Amino acid sequence: MEECSKEFLLRITQKNSFCKIKNVIKVKKSEIKIDQIVKEDGELTRDYKESRDFIIRKHFPLIDDHYELTEEELPDIEEYKFTKQEIENSIKGMKRGGAPGYNGWTTELVEECYFTDSEWFTQVLNTCFINGFFPENWKTAEVILIPKEGTDLKDYKSYRPICLLTIWGKILDKLIANRLTYFLEENQILNNNQYGFRKYNSTISALQGVTEFIGESKALNKVTCMVSLDTENAFNSVRWSNIKQLLEKYKVPRYLGRLLNDFSKDRSVLLTDGTRWIYNQGVPQGSCLGPIMWLLVANELLNYFEFDENHRIQAFADDIIILMRAAASYHFVNNSQDIMKKLENWAAKFRLKFSKRKTKYT
């Protein structure tokens, strides 16, 4: 394997279609200052390394969750393997000059591999396709912690983890995400009131839904109430058992189910000493599949609500808007009870919480 890799890299440098290979190995990312963190026992962490590892373990928990996706429950639909055009589009759509994963391979270098031998490159990814296999090394991420502005930096929740994934893994991730998105949209599975992470939908589309509802209320001489809810730590709280059950519920093709099932196994992040910390809850931020997985969970909430001319529930990713109209504002207390009960049931089912600090009422 080592000799094969050396021979392949030699061919790259000989062909050298980009004139020169640069930034193959990026310099170590500058360390972001992290305060001492308050632990469960009230004690403070001692130094940067302990603080960083404590935050990572909290954001990427290992829980008792062993649900296995039942492949036999999924339709065995014949699908085409990944094409060169799919792969090339995925590579070309990736950001240039960005931070590589822990192995140091940049987008530019991986792209050079593709153009040097696209047949071999395509064969590697289609081997994963055929076997429902997502290589473990491609599931290991380096984590950058971004402090949230205006928060207590002694609280581990005040740091947003961004996963720096390997470029090979990001390409396979994107290929699967594109196929899953196509399946969901083609079969009209996603609720029309979900505006996040969807083609031809945007914040403008979501805003239009709100303004239309308010305009209709004014025409009916009614007042409008709007409640904005933020799902706390949404992406990191998603359980893979719930995701797999939803994949079964929506009957995704078997080949996708197998790939997604393996995508979720043995995911890891690097600690400060270079060891891998295995986790099994949440979807990695930085992954193309992460947002699509979340849409499945949010879809369950939106589907709780049938059409009602006096209320509208819409979502943009993990942000939820509740719109209600009534002849007078005092009616909102009673009119909102059923809505809030459904929200509570959904949150309890998926073990999610709403952020009190970010909840707004207008």
Protein backbone atom coordinates (compact mmCIF):
# COMPACT_ATOMS: atom_id res chain seq x y z
CA MET A 1 0.00 0.00 0.00
CA GLU A 2 2.83 2.39 0.94
CA GLU A 3 4.70 1.67 -2.31
CA CYS A 4 1.48 2.13 -4.30
CA SER A 5 0.89 5.52 -2.67
CA LYS A 6 4.47 6.63 -3.35
CA GLU A 7 4.20 5.61 -7.00
CA PHE A 8 0.91 7.47 -7.39
CA LEU A 9 2.25 10.66 -5.79
CA LEU A 10 5.32 10.45 -8.01
CA ARG A 11 3.05 10.39 -11.06
CA ILE A 12 1.26 13.51 -9.73
CA THR A 13 4.46 15.50 -9.40
CA GLN A 14 5.64 14.35 -12.81
CA LYS A 15 2.40 15.32 -14.51
CA ASN A 16 2.01 18.46 -12.39
CA SER A 17 -0.93 19.98 -14.30
CA PHE A 18 -1.18 22.79 -11.73
CA CYS A 19 2.47 23.80 -12.42
CA LYS A 20 3.36 23.05 -8.81
CA ILE A 21 1.96 21.30 -5.74
CA LYS A 22 1.78 23.63 -2.79
CA ASN A 23 0.25 23.68 0.64
CA VAL A 24 0.29 19.88 0.79
CA ILE A 25 0.73 20.02 4.51
CA LYS A 26 -0.73 23.07 6.21
CA VAL A 27 0.97 24.53 9.24
CA LYS A 28 -0.64 23.71 12.54
CA LYS A 29 -3.76 25.82 13.13
CA SER A 30 -3.25 28.60 15.61
CA GLU A 31 -4.66 27.69 18.98
CA ILE A 32 -7.70 29.71 20.00
CA LYS A 33 -7.54 30.89 23.56
CA ILE A 34 -9.78 28.85 25.86
CA ASP A 35 -10.55 29.82 29.43
CA GLN A 36 -10.48 27.39 32.32
CA ILE A 37 -13.72 25.39 32.16
CA VAL A 38 -15.98 24.56 35.09
CA LYS A 39 -16.28 20.76 35.41
CA GLU A 40 -19.19 18.76 36.86
CA ASP A 41 -17.67 18.82 40.35
CA GLY A 42 -17.29 22.60 40.27
CA GLU A 43 -13.52 22.44 39.86
CA LEU A 44 -11.75 24.28 37.07
CA THR A 45 -9.65 22.63 34.37
CA ARG A 46 -5.92 23.15 34.87
CA ASP A 47 -4.64 24.15 31.44
CA TYR A 48 -5.44 24.58 27.74
CA LYS A 49 -5.17 20.88 26.90
CA GLU A 50 -7.47 19.75 29.68
CA SER A 51 -9.97 22.50 28.82
CA ARG A 52 -10.00 21.63 25.12
CA ASP A 53 -10.37 17.89 25.70
CA PHE A 54 -13.13 18.45 28.27
CA ILE A 55 -15.11 20.60 25.80
CA ILE A 56 -14.64 18.06 23.00
CA ARG A 57 -15.81 15.13 25.11
CA LYS A 58 -18.91 17.10 26.13
CA HIS A 59 -19.78 18.14 22.58
CA PHE A 60 -19.10 14.66 21.18
CA PRO A 61 -20.56 12.23 23.73
CA LEU A 62 -20.41 8.45 23.67
CA ILE A 63 -23.83 7.22 24.76
CA ASP A 64 -25.65 3.90 25.09
CA ASP A 65 -27.22 3.87 21.64
CA HIS A 66 -26.86 0.65 19.64
CA TYR A 67 -29.76 0.72 17.20
CA GLU A 68 -28.91 -1.07 13.95
CA LEU A 69 -30.57 -0.09 10.71
CA THR A 70 -32.50 -3.01 9.20
CA GLU A 71 -31.42 -3.18 5.56
CA GLU A 72 -34.19 -5.65 4.73
CA GLU A 73 -36.75 -2.94 5.55
CA LEU A 74 -35.36 -0.72 2.79
CA PRO A 75 -36.23 -1.03 -0.91
CA ASP A 76 -33.48 -2.70 -2.94
CA ILE A 77 -33.59 -0.24 -5.82
CA GLU A 78 -30.92 -0.59 -8.48
CA GLU A 79 -28.86 2.56 -8.58
CA TYR A 80 -26.07 3.78 -10.80
CA LYS A 81 -22.60 3.99 -9.33
CA PHE A 82 -21.00 7.38 -8.77
CA THR A 83 -20.11 8.89 -12.12
CA LYS A 84 -17.00 10.84 -13.00
CA GLN A 85 -19.18 13.89 -13.54
CA GLU A 86 -20.70 13.60 -10.04
CA ILE A 87 -17.27 13.30 -8.50
CA GLU A 88 -15.78 16.11 -10.55
CA ASN A 89 -18.68 18.43 -9.68
CA SER A 90 -18.26 17.63 -5.98
CA ILE A 91 -14.55 18.41 -6.09
CA LYS A 92 -15.00 21.61 -8.10
CA GLY A 93 -17.68 22.78 -5.65
CA MET A 94 -15.30 22.56 -2.69
CA LYS A 95 -13.62 25.62 -1.23
CA ARG A 96 -10.02 26.23 -2.26
CA GLY A 97 -7.38 27.33 0.23
CA GLY A 98 -9.39 26.01 3.17
CA ALA A 99 -8.03 24.10 6.14
CA PRO A 100 -7.36 20.41 5.43
CA GLY A 101 -8.24 17.55 7.74
CA TYR A 102 -5.87 16.01 10.27
CA ASN A 103 -3.86 14.24 7.53
CA GLY A 104 -2.89 17.54 5.86
CA TRP A 105 -4.26 16.71 2.40
CA THR A 106 -5.70 19.83 0.81
CA THR A 107 -8.48 20.11 -1.75
CA GLU A 108 -5.93 21.10 -4.38
CA LEU A 109 -3.86 17.96 -3.83
CA VAL A 110 -6.86 15.63 -3.89
CA GLU A 111 -8.10 17.37 -7.03
CA GLU A 112 -4.70 16.74 -8.61
CA CYS A 113 -5.09 13.05 -7.74
CA TYR A 114 -8.43 13.01 -9.54
CA PHE A 115 -7.18 14.64 -12.74
CA THR A 116 -4.05 12.46 -12.76
CA ASP A 117 -6.10 9.24 -12.80
CA SER A 118 -9.84 9.80 -12.72
CA GLU A 119 -10.53 6.10 -13.45
CA TRP A 120 -8.65 4.98 -10.35
CA PHE A 121 -10.18 7.78 -8.24
CA THR A 122 -13.72 6.85 -9.35
CA GLN A 123 -13.04 3.17 -8.70
CA VAL A 124 -12.00 3.92 -5.09
CA LEU A 125 -15.24 5.77 -4.36
CA ASN A 126 -17.40 3.17 -6.12
CA THR A 127 -15.76 0.44 -4.05
CA CYS A 128 -17.24 2.29 -1.06
CA PHE A 129 -20.56 2.54 -2.92
CA ILE A 130 -20.76 -1.18 -3.70
CA ASN A 131 -19.77 -2.33 -0.21
CA GLY A 132 -21.69 0.28 1.79
CA PHE A 133 -18.38 1.28 3.33
CA PHE A 134 -17.18 4.65 4.67
CA PRO A 135 -13.47 4.31 5.61
CA GLU A 136 -12.78 4.88 9.29
CA ASN A 137 -9.85 7.25 8.65
CA TRP A 138 -12.18 9.46 6.62
CA LYS A 139 -14.46 9.73 9.65
CA THR A 140 -11.79 11.17 11.94
CA ALA A 141 -11.91 14.94 12.41
CA GLU A 142 -9.74 17.62 13.89
CA VAL A 143 -11.84 20.06 15.90
CA ILE A 144 -11.59 23.84 16.02
CA LEU A 145 -13.46 25.45 18.92
CA ILE A 146 -14.99 28.85 18.20
CA PRO A 147 -15.96 30.94 21.26
CA LYS A 148 -19.51 32.31 21.11
CA GLU A 149 -19.67 36.06 21.51
CA GLY A 150 -21.21 37.40 24.72
CA THR A 151 -21.17 34.08 26.61
CA ASP A 152 -19.47 32.79 29.74
CA LEU A 153 -16.29 31.22 28.42
CA LYS A 154 -15.97 29.04 31.52
CA ASP A 155 -18.99 27.09 30.26
CA TYR A 156 -18.18 24.38 27.70
CA LYS A 157 -21.43 25.24 25.85
CA SER A 158 -19.91 28.63 24.98
CA TYR A 159 -17.68 27.01 22.35
CA ARG A 160 -18.92 25.97 18.91
CA PRO A 161 -17.05 22.91 17.55
CA ILE A 162 -16.20 22.93 13.85
CA CYS A 163 -15.00 19.61 12.41
CA LEU A 164 -12.12 19.72 9.95
CA LEU A 165 -12.78 16.56 7.96
CA THR A 166 -10.47 14.82 5.52
CA ILE A 167 -10.98 15.89 1.90
CA TRP A 168 -11.54 12.32 0.68
CA GLY A 169 -14.20 11.89 3.35
CA LYS A 170 -15.83 15.21 2.43
CA ILE A 171 -16.07 14.14 -1.21
CA LEU A 172 -17.78 10.84 -0.35
CA ASP A 173 -19.93 12.68 2.21
CA LYS A 174 -21.03 15.16 -0.48
CA LEU A 175 -21.79 12.44 -3.02
CA ILE A 176 -24.04 10.65 -0.51
CA ALA A 177 -25.67 13.93 0.57
CA ASN A 178 -26.50 14.80 -3.05
CA ARG A 179 -28.08 11.39 -3.62
CA LEU A 180 -30.07 11.57 -0.37
CA THR A 181 -31.24 15.12 -1.11
CA TYR A 182 -32.39 14.08 -4.58
CA PHE A 183 -34.34 11.15 -3.09
CA LEU A 184 -36.05 13.33 -0.47
CA GLU A 185 -36.97 16.09 -2.93
CA GLU A 186 -37.97 13.79 -5.80
CA ASN A 187 -40.34 11.88 -3.49
CA GLN A 188 -41.64 15.11 -1.90
CA ILE A 189 -40.81 13.86 1.59
CA LEU A 190 -39.72 17.18 3.07
CA ASN A 191 -42.41 19.52 4.38
CA ASN A 192 -42.95 22.66 2.31
CA ASN A 193 -42.57 24.78 5.45
CA GLN A 194 -38.91 23.78 5.83
CA TYR A 195 -36.73 26.44 4.20
CA GLY A 196 -33.22 25.55 5.39
CA PHE A 197 -30.62 23.63 3.35
CA ARG A 198 -32.91 23.28 0.34
CA LYS A 199 -32.40 24.28 -3.27
CA TYR A 200 -34.45 27.27 -4.39
CA ASN A 201 -35.35 28.04 -0.75
CA SER A 202 -33.67 30.77 1.26
CA THR A 203 -34.11 33.21 4.12
CA ILE A 204 -35.99 35.38 1.60
CA SER A 205 -38.47 32.56 0.96
CA ALA A 206 -38.93 32.06 4.70
CA LEU A 207 -39.46 35.80 5.23
CA GLN A 208 -42.05 35.88 2.46
CA GLY A 209 -44.03 33.17 4.28
CA VAL A 210 -44.07 35.32 7.41
CA THR A 211 -45.05 38.55 5.62
CA GLU A 212 -47.80 36.78 3.67
CA PHE A 213 -49.32 35.43 6.89
CA ILE A 214 -49.21 38.88 8.53
CA GLY A 215 -50.71 40.49 5.42
CA GLU A 216 -53.59 38.00 5.43
CA SER A 217 -54.18 38.72 9.13
CA LYS A 218 -54.44 42.45 8.49
CA ALA A 219 -56.90 41.85 5.65
CA LEU A 220 -59.06 39.84 8.08
CA ASN A 221 -58.77 42.56 10.77
CA LYS A 222 -56.93 40.13 13.04
CA VAL A 223 -53.74 40.47 15.10
CA THR A 224 -50.69 38.25 14.65
CA CYS A 225 -48.46 36.65 17.28
CA MET A 226 -45.03 35.29 16.37
CA VAL A 227 -42.88 33.04 18.57
CA SER A 228 -39.29 32.26 17.52
CA LEU A 229 -37.71 29.13 18.96
CA ASP A 230 -34.10 27.99 18.76
CA THR A 231 -33.30 24.29 19.22
CA GLU A 232 -30.43 24.17 21.70
CA ASN A 233 -27.27 22.51 20.41
CA ALA A 234 -29.41 20.87 17.74
CA PHE A 235 -26.83 19.17 15.50
CA ASN A 236 -24.84 17.79 18.42
CA SER A 237 -27.96 16.43 20.13
CA VAL A 238 -29.30 14.27 17.30
CA ARG A 239 -29.24 10.57 18.11
CA TRP A 240 -28.26 8.17 15.39
CA SER A 241 -30.92 5.68 16.49
CA ASN A 242 -33.53 8.33 15.61
CA ILE A 243 -31.86 9.05 12.27
CA LYS A 244 -31.77 5.37 11.33
CA GLN A 245 -35.42 4.91 12.28
CA LEU A 246 -36.35 7.85 10.05
CA LEU A 247 -34.33 6.41 7.16
CA GLU A 248 -36.39 3.24 7.55
CA LYS A 249 -39.64 5.19 7.86
CA TYR A 250 -39.03 7.12 4.65
CA LYS A 251 -37.82 4.02 2.80
CA VAL A 252 -34.53 5.37 1.49
CA PRO A 253 -32.87 3.08 -1.07
CA ARG A 254 -30.94 0.22 0.51
CA TYR A 255 -27.57 1.29 -0.89
CA LEU A 256 -28.00 4.72 0.75
CA GLY A 257 -29.09 3.14 4.01
CA ARG A 258 -25.96 0.97 4.08
CA LEU A 259 -23.66 3.91 3.38
CA LEU A 260 -25.38 6.11 5.98
CA ASN A 261 -25.31 3.32 8.54
CA ASP A 262 -21.56 2.94 8.11
CA PHE A 263 -21.09 6.73 8.00
CA SER A 264 -22.39 6.85 11.58
CA LYS A 265 -20.13 4.12 12.98
CA ASP A 266 -16.77 4.71 14.69
CA ARG A 267 -16.74 8.45 14.12
CA SER A 268 -13.97 10.13 16.05
CA VAL A 269 -12.32 13.44 16.84
CA LEU A 270 -8.71 14.02 17.79
CA LEU A 271 -7.76 15.00 21.32
CA THR A 272 -4.70 17.10 22.14
CA ASP A 273 -2.43 14.05 22.54
CA GLY A 274 -3.41 12.76 19.09
CA THR A 275 -5.64 9.93 20.36
CA ARG A 276 -9.06 9.42 18.82
CA TRP A 277 -12.15 10.07 20.91
CA ILE A 278 -15.02 7.91 19.60
CA TYR A 279 -18.50 9.44 19.73
CA ASN A 280 -21.94 8.30 18.58
CA GLN A 281 -24.26 11.25 19.01
CA GLY A 282 -24.73 14.28 16.78
CA VAL A 283 -23.81 14.99 13.21
CA PRO A 284 -20.43 16.58 12.44
CA GLN A 285 -20.62 20.30 11.69
CA GLY A 286 -18.65 20.67 8.50
CA SER A 287 -20.29 17.63 6.94
CA CYS A 288 -22.69 18.04 4.00
CA LEU A 289 -24.78 15.18 5.36
CA GLY A 290 -25.21 16.79 8.79
CA PRO A 291 -27.80 19.38 7.72
CA ILE A 292 -29.73 16.84 5.62
CA MET A 293 -29.93 14.51 8.62
CA TRP A 294 -31.32 17.36 10.68
CA LEU A 295 -34.03 18.01 8.09
CA LEU A 296 -35.40 14.51 8.71
CA VAL A 297 -35.78 15.27 12.42
CA ALA A 298 -37.32 18.72 11.83
CA ASN A 299 -39.66 17.17 9.27
CA GLU A 300 -41.30 15.15 12.02
CA LEU A 301 -42.25 18.35 13.83
CA LEU A 302 -43.65 20.12 10.77
CA ASN A 303 -45.71 17.05 9.84
CA TYR A 304 -47.45 17.17 13.24
CA PHE A 305 -49.38 20.20 12.03
CA GLU A 306 -52.18 19.98 9.50
CA PHE A 307 -53.21 23.05 7.54
CA ASP A 308 -54.97 25.63 9.70
CA GLU A 309 -55.79 29.12 8.49
CA ASN A 310 -55.15 30.55 11.96
CA HIS A 311 -51.62 29.29 12.50
CA ARG A 312 -48.48 28.50 10.54
CA ILE A 313 -45.34 26.63 11.65
CA GLN A 314 -42.22 26.98 9.56
CA ALA A 315 -38.56 26.16 10.02
CA PHE A 316 -35.23 27.34 8.71
CA ALA A 317 -32.87 24.52 9.66
CA ASP A 318 -33.15 24.31 13.48
CA ASP A 319 -34.87 27.70 13.92
CA ILE A 320 -38.64 27.41 14.29
CA ILE A 321 -41.25 30.13 13.81
CA ILE A 322 -44.81 29.87 15.13
CA LEU A 323 -47.34 32.30 13.65
CA MET A 324 -50.85 32.64 15.07
CA ARG A 325 -53.74 34.98 14.31
CA ALA A 326 -56.81 35.85 16.37
CA ALA A 327 -59.45 38.55 16.74
CA ALA A 328 -57.78 39.74 19.97
CA SER A 329 -54.43 39.04 21.61
CA TYR A 330 -55.90 37.44 24.75
CA HIS A 331 -56.98 34.46 22.63
CA PHE A 332 -53.36 33.45 22.06
CA VAL A 333 -53.01 31.83 25.49
CA ASN A 334 -55.69 29.25 24.74
CA ASN A 335 -54.98 28.97 21.01
CA SER A 336 -51.30 28.15 21.57
CA GLN A 337 -51.78 25.29 24.03
CA ASP A 338 -52.19 22.53 21.43
CA ILE A 339 -49.29 23.90 19.39
CA MET A 340 -46.97 24.04 22.38
CA LYS A 341 -47.96 20.53 23.41
CA LYS A 342 -46.94 19.18 20.00
CA LEU A 343 -43.64 21.05 20.21
CA GLU A 344 -42.98 19.56 23.65
CA ASN A 345 -43.83 16.04 22.44
CA TRP A 346 -41.48 16.38 19.46
CA ALA A 347 -38.64 17.69 21.62
CA ALA A 348 -39.15 14.88 24.16
CA LYS A 349 -39.23 12.21 21.44
CA PHE A 350 -35.90 13.33 20.00
CA ARG A 351 -34.39 14.39 23.37
CA LEU A 352 -34.03 18.01 22.30
CA LYS A 353 -34.31 21.25 24.23
CA PHE A 354 -35.34 24.76 23.29
CA SER A 355 -33.07 27.61 24.27
CA LYS A 356 -34.88 29.91 26.72
CA ARG A 357 -32.33 32.65 26.10
CA LYS A 358 -32.99 32.70 22.36
CA THR A 359 -36.78 32.26 22.45
CA LYS A 360 -38.52 35.45 21.28
CA TYR A 361 -42.18 36.53 21.44
CA THR A 362 -43.62 39.28 19.25
